[in-house]
Amino acid sequence: MSKIDEVRSEMMAAMKAHDKERKDALSALLTALKNKFIDKRADLTEEEENDVVLREIKLAKETIDTTPADRTDIIDECKARITVFEEFAPKMMDEAEITATIKEVLAGLGIDAPTAKDKGKIMKELMKTNVYDVGESVLIVGSCLPDMEPEGFAQLCASSGHVFELCLEQTHINMAITKISAMLYTGKIRTLRFATVDRSPHCVQMHYIQNELRRMMDLSAVTIENYVVENGKLTKLSPELIYLSKHLGELSRRMNENV
């Protein structure tokens, strides 16, 4: 069952139960999912459905943050909607699960109490690595990510075979693209993920690499994903979002159209 069908079913149940608050929240979420479906003109993937739900939660939280404290009606409504929206959101790792994941990753590397000397065991420096030293799953992270967001980094490592660090403050992006394309030409890589901290003018460039790679070669057999990590949570970046971050004029026009 698609999330659209699931939300619609819950909305009908809320209507029968005369639960207006829940019905209104579900109606808003259903509208958001339908709009995404209309924009895509095709069925949504589970990932796309989750993105819509998480965006609606984020918007509701932002409304709470910007609403005057005396407007308790708006704040209470947003809190109620968040509670409903979270029923359809992907399950996030709690603190215990994050800790267990970190321990599992370190145990697999034979590390008990990690120190700075163990950094090379956990990830290799991309630009100094042999292009053939890759596997099916490759993760490339900004060099500052492990120190600034250790929990998010551990989550990413748990599902990645080979982990590399890249600092685009020290390495020109064209050099990085050349290196990564050589790795892809080996034919070994099936999943390539980029991950950075948020709000970094250097790290944001990493998310533009995939577009340059696609211009150079056929990557139809390779899954490419982009993430930012903030406060221990992973946020997956859509290709459209990455495109708009480079085309500020178009982003401005779209925002003005929605005002």
Protein backbone atom coordinates (compact mmCIF):
# COMPACT_ATOMS: atom_id res chain seq x y z
CA MET A 1 0.00 0.00 0.00
CA SER A 2 1.35 3.41 -0.95
CA LYS A 3 1.61 6.12 1.67
CA ILE A 4 -1.09 8.06 -0.20
CA ASP A 5 -3.48 5.13 0.22
CA GLU A 6 -2.39 4.63 3.82
CA VAL A 7 -2.97 8.27 4.76
CA ARG A 8 -6.28 8.37 2.89
CA SER A 9 -7.47 5.29 4.77
CA GLU A 10 -6.51 6.82 8.13
CA MET A 11 -8.23 10.07 7.16
CA MET A 12 -11.47 8.24 6.38
CA ALA A 13 -11.27 6.50 9.74
CA ALA A 14 -10.77 9.84 11.48
CA MET A 15 -13.79 11.26 9.67
CA LYS A 16 -15.95 8.33 10.82
CA ALA A 17 -14.69 8.84 14.37
CA HIS A 18 -15.52 12.57 14.12
CA ASP A 19 -11.91 13.37 15.03
CA LYS A 20 -11.61 16.71 13.22
CA GLU A 21 -8.11 17.57 14.47
CA ARG A 22 -6.66 14.28 13.23
CA LYS A 23 -8.66 14.43 10.00
CA ASP A 24 -7.35 17.92 9.22
CA ALA A 25 -3.75 16.86 9.86
CA LEU A 26 -4.11 13.80 7.64
CA SER A 27 -5.80 15.89 4.94
CA ALA A 28 -2.83 18.28 4.92
CA LEU A 29 -0.37 15.40 4.63
CA LEU A 30 -2.43 13.75 1.90
CA THR A 31 -2.44 17.00 -0.08
CA ALA A 32 1.36 17.24 0.19
CA LEU A 33 1.80 13.66 -1.01
CA LYS A 34 -0.63 14.18 -3.89
CA ASN A 35 1.15 17.38 -4.97
CA LYS A 36 4.44 15.49 -5.10
CA PHE A 37 2.74 12.75 -7.14
CA ILE A 38 1.34 15.32 -9.57
CA ASP A 39 4.71 17.03 -9.93
CA LYS A 40 6.46 13.73 -10.64
CA ARG A 41 3.63 12.36 -12.83
CA ALA A 42 4.45 8.88 -11.59
CA ASP A 43 4.11 6.78 -8.45
CA LEU A 44 6.30 7.93 -5.59
CA THR A 45 9.05 5.72 -4.25
CA GLU A 46 9.11 4.95 -0.53
CA GLU A 47 12.05 7.31 -0.22
CA GLU A 48 10.15 10.13 -1.92
CA GLU A 49 7.12 9.52 0.29
CA ASN A 50 9.32 9.70 3.39
CA ASP A 51 10.87 12.93 2.13
CA VAL A 52 7.39 14.50 1.88
CA VAL A 53 6.46 13.41 5.41
CA LEU A 54 9.73 14.66 6.89
CA ARG A 55 9.34 17.98 5.05
CA GLU A 56 5.86 18.47 6.49
CA ILE A 57 7.19 17.75 9.99
CA LYS A 58 10.00 20.24 9.44
CA LEU A 59 7.57 22.92 8.21
CA ALA A 60 5.33 22.42 11.23
CA LYS A 61 8.32 22.75 13.58
CA GLU A 62 9.45 25.90 11.79
CA THR A 63 5.95 27.36 12.22
CA ILE A 64 6.14 26.67 15.95
CA ASP A 65 9.54 28.37 16.14
CA THR A 66 8.32 31.51 14.37
CA THR A 67 4.89 31.81 16.00
CA PRO A 68 4.45 34.30 18.88
CA ALA A 69 4.19 32.56 22.25
CA ASP A 70 0.70 33.95 22.85
CA ARG A 71 -0.66 32.22 19.73
CA THR A 72 -1.11 28.94 21.55
CA ASP A 73 -3.85 27.91 19.11
CA ILE A 74 -1.38 27.77 16.22
CA ILE A 75 1.35 26.16 18.32
CA ASP A 76 -1.00 23.47 19.65
CA GLU A 77 -2.31 22.75 16.16
CA CYS A 78 1.22 22.32 14.80
CA LYS A 79 2.20 20.06 17.70
CA ALA A 80 -0.86 17.90 17.07
CA ARG A 81 -0.03 17.68 13.37
CA ILE A 82 3.56 16.69 14.09
CA THR A 83 2.29 13.86 16.29
CA VAL A 84 0.12 12.59 13.42
CA PHE A 85 2.80 13.09 10.74
CA GLU A 86 5.35 11.15 12.78
CA GLU A 87 3.15 8.05 12.51
CA PHE A 88 4.08 7.95 8.81
CA ALA A 89 7.72 9.03 9.12
CA PRO A 90 10.61 6.57 8.77
CA LYS A 91 11.86 5.22 12.08
CA MET A 92 14.89 7.13 13.36
CA MET A 93 17.62 5.51 15.42
CA ASP A 94 17.37 6.30 19.13
CA GLU A 95 20.41 6.98 21.32
CA ALA A 96 20.76 3.32 22.31
CA GLU A 97 20.65 2.17 18.69
CA ILE A 98 23.20 4.80 17.66
CA THR A 99 25.54 3.69 20.45
CA ALA A 100 25.11 0.04 19.45
CA THR A 101 25.85 0.90 15.82
CA ILE A 102 29.02 2.79 16.76
CA LYS A 103 30.22 -0.14 18.87
CA GLU A 104 29.44 -2.59 16.05
CA VAL A 105 31.39 -0.56 13.50
CA LEU A 106 34.38 -0.20 15.81
CA ALA A 107 34.30 -3.88 16.78
CA GLY A 108 34.36 -4.84 13.12
CA LEU A 109 37.54 -2.79 12.77
CA GLY A 110 39.10 -4.29 15.88
CA ILE A 111 38.98 -0.97 17.75
CA ASP A 112 38.05 -0.86 21.42
CA ALA A 113 38.60 2.75 22.50
CA PRO A 114 39.16 4.83 19.32
CA THR A 115 41.83 7.52 19.26
CA ALA A 116 43.09 9.90 16.59
CA LYS A 117 45.56 7.20 15.49
CA ASP A 118 42.66 4.93 14.48
CA LYS A 119 41.29 7.39 11.91
CA GLY A 120 43.11 5.62 9.08
CA LYS A 121 41.48 2.31 10.01
CA ILE A 122 38.01 3.80 9.80
CA MET A 123 38.42 5.76 6.59
CA LYS A 124 41.08 6.46 3.99
CA GLU A 125 42.03 9.72 2.38
CA LEU A 126 40.41 9.72 -1.05
CA MET A 127 43.15 11.51 -2.98
CA LYS A 128 45.88 9.15 -1.67
CA THR A 129 43.98 5.93 -2.35
CA ASN A 130 44.58 3.55 -5.26
CA VAL A 131 41.58 3.70 -7.60
CA TYR A 132 41.26 -0.09 -7.48
CA ASP A 133 40.99 -0.13 -3.68
CA VAL A 134 37.18 0.05 -3.75
CA GLY A 135 34.22 -2.27 -3.39
CA GLU A 136 30.53 -2.28 -4.29
CA SER A 137 29.58 0.27 -1.61
CA VAL A 138 31.61 3.48 -1.31
CA LEU A 139 31.04 6.36 1.09
CA ILE A 140 32.87 9.67 0.64
CA VAL A 141 32.59 12.11 3.55
CA GLY A 142 33.84 15.58 4.29
CA SER A 143 36.96 15.36 6.44
CA CYS A 144 35.32 17.24 9.31
CA LEU A 145 32.22 15.02 9.47
CA PRO A 146 33.58 12.28 11.82
CA ASP A 147 34.64 14.82 14.44
CA MET A 148 31.62 17.13 14.17
CA GLU A 149 28.91 14.49 13.75
CA PRO A 150 30.19 11.16 15.14
CA GLU A 151 26.73 9.61 15.56
CA GLY A 152 25.67 10.35 11.99
CA PHE A 153 29.05 9.21 10.71
CA ALA A 154 28.64 5.88 12.52
CA GLN A 155 25.22 5.37 10.95
CA LEU A 156 26.67 5.94 7.49
CA CYS A 157 29.63 3.65 8.10
CA ALA A 158 27.37 0.84 9.27
CA SER A 159 26.06 0.37 5.72
CA SER A 160 29.21 1.20 3.75
CA GLY A 161 32.01 -1.11 2.71
CA HIS A 162 34.68 1.46 1.88
CA VAL A 163 34.88 4.88 3.52
CA PHE A 164 36.97 7.78 2.23
CA GLU A 165 37.50 11.33 3.43
CA LEU A 166 37.73 14.34 1.15
CA CYS A 167 38.47 17.96 2.06
CA LEU A 168 37.42 20.33 -0.72
CA GLU A 169 39.06 23.20 1.13
CA GLN A 170 42.41 21.55 0.39
CA THR A 171 41.63 19.68 -2.84
CA HIS A 172 40.20 21.32 -5.96
CA ILE A 173 36.87 19.77 -6.91
CA ASN A 174 38.12 18.96 -10.44
CA MET A 175 40.88 16.79 -9.00
CA ALA A 176 38.35 14.99 -6.82
CA ILE A 177 36.06 14.38 -9.81
CA THR A 178 38.96 12.90 -11.79
CA LYS A 179 39.84 10.57 -8.90
CA ILE A 180 36.26 9.40 -8.31
CA SER A 181 35.63 8.87 -12.04
CA ALA A 182 38.70 6.63 -12.18
CA MET A 183 37.28 4.60 -9.29
CA LEU A 184 33.96 4.28 -11.11
CA TYR A 185 35.67 3.17 -14.32
CA THR A 186 36.89 0.05 -12.48
CA GLY A 187 33.30 -1.17 -12.63
CA LYS A 188 33.34 -2.28 -9.00
CA ILE A 189 31.16 0.40 -7.47
CA ARG A 190 27.39 -0.14 -7.30
CA THR A 191 26.49 2.37 -4.58
CA LEU A 192 28.22 5.73 -4.13
CA ARG A 193 27.25 8.04 -1.29
CA PHE A 194 28.43 11.53 -0.42
CA ALA A 195 27.93 12.94 3.07
CA THR A 196 28.88 16.25 4.66
CA VAL A 197 28.10 18.51 7.56
CA ASP A 198 25.54 21.21 6.87
CA ARG A 199 26.20 24.92 6.25
CA SER A 200 29.76 24.50 4.96
CA PRO A 201 30.66 26.48 1.79
CA HIS A 202 33.41 23.98 1.00
CA CYS A 203 31.51 20.77 1.75
CA VAL A 204 28.46 21.78 -0.29
CA GLN A 205 30.56 21.36 -3.43
CA MET A 206 30.74 17.62 -2.78
CA HIS A 207 27.07 17.30 -3.62
CA TYR A 208 27.71 18.76 -7.09
CA ILE A 209 30.18 16.02 -8.01
CA GLN A 210 27.51 13.54 -9.10
CA ASN A 211 26.29 15.85 -11.88
CA GLU A 212 29.79 16.19 -13.31
CA LEU A 213 30.28 12.43 -13.15
CA ARG A 214 27.03 11.80 -15.02
CA ARG A 215 28.21 14.09 -17.81
CA MET A 216 31.37 12.02 -18.14
CA MET A 217 30.00 8.49 -18.09
CA ASP A 218 26.95 6.24 -17.97
CA LEU A 219 26.06 5.74 -14.33
CA SER A 220 22.71 4.02 -14.83
CA ALA A 221 24.01 0.95 -12.97
CA VAL A 222 25.26 2.99 -10.00
CA THR A 223 23.06 4.33 -7.18
CA ILE A 224 24.27 7.75 -6.04
CA GLU A 225 23.00 9.33 -2.82
CA ASN A 226 23.79 12.59 -1.04
CA TYR A 227 23.37 13.34 2.66
CA VAL A 228 23.97 16.12 5.15
CA VAL A 229 24.28 15.33 8.85
CA GLU A 230 23.00 17.72 11.48
CA ASN A 231 22.60 17.00 15.19
CA GLY A 232 23.20 13.31 14.58
CA LYS A 233 20.43 13.00 12.00
CA LEU A 234 20.86 12.14 8.33
CA THR A 235 18.98 14.16 5.73
CA LYS A 236 18.94 12.82 2.21
CA LEU A 237 19.24 15.45 -0.50
CA SER A 238 17.14 15.13 -3.64
CA PRO A 239 18.69 15.87 -7.06
CA GLU A 240 16.24 18.76 -7.44
CA LEU A 241 17.37 20.33 -4.17
CA ILE A 242 21.02 20.06 -5.18
CA TYR A 243 20.21 21.59 -8.58
CA LEU A 244 18.40 24.54 -7.00
CA SER A 245 21.25 25.22 -4.59
CA LYS A 246 23.39 26.03 -7.65
CA HIS A 247 20.70 27.99 -9.48
CA LEU A 248 19.70 30.71 -7.05
CA GLY A 249 17.80 32.72 -9.66
CA GLU A 250 15.47 29.82 -10.37
CA LEU A 251 15.18 29.07 -6.65
CA SER A 252 14.14 32.68 -6.03
CA ARG A 253 11.51 32.53 -8.78
CA ARG A 254 10.04 29.32 -7.39
CA MET A 255 9.90 30.73 -3.89
CA ASN A 256 8.19 33.89 -5.13
CA GLU A 257 5.64 31.79 -7.03
CA ASN A 258 4.71 30.03 -3.79
CA VAL A 259 4.29 33.22 -1.77
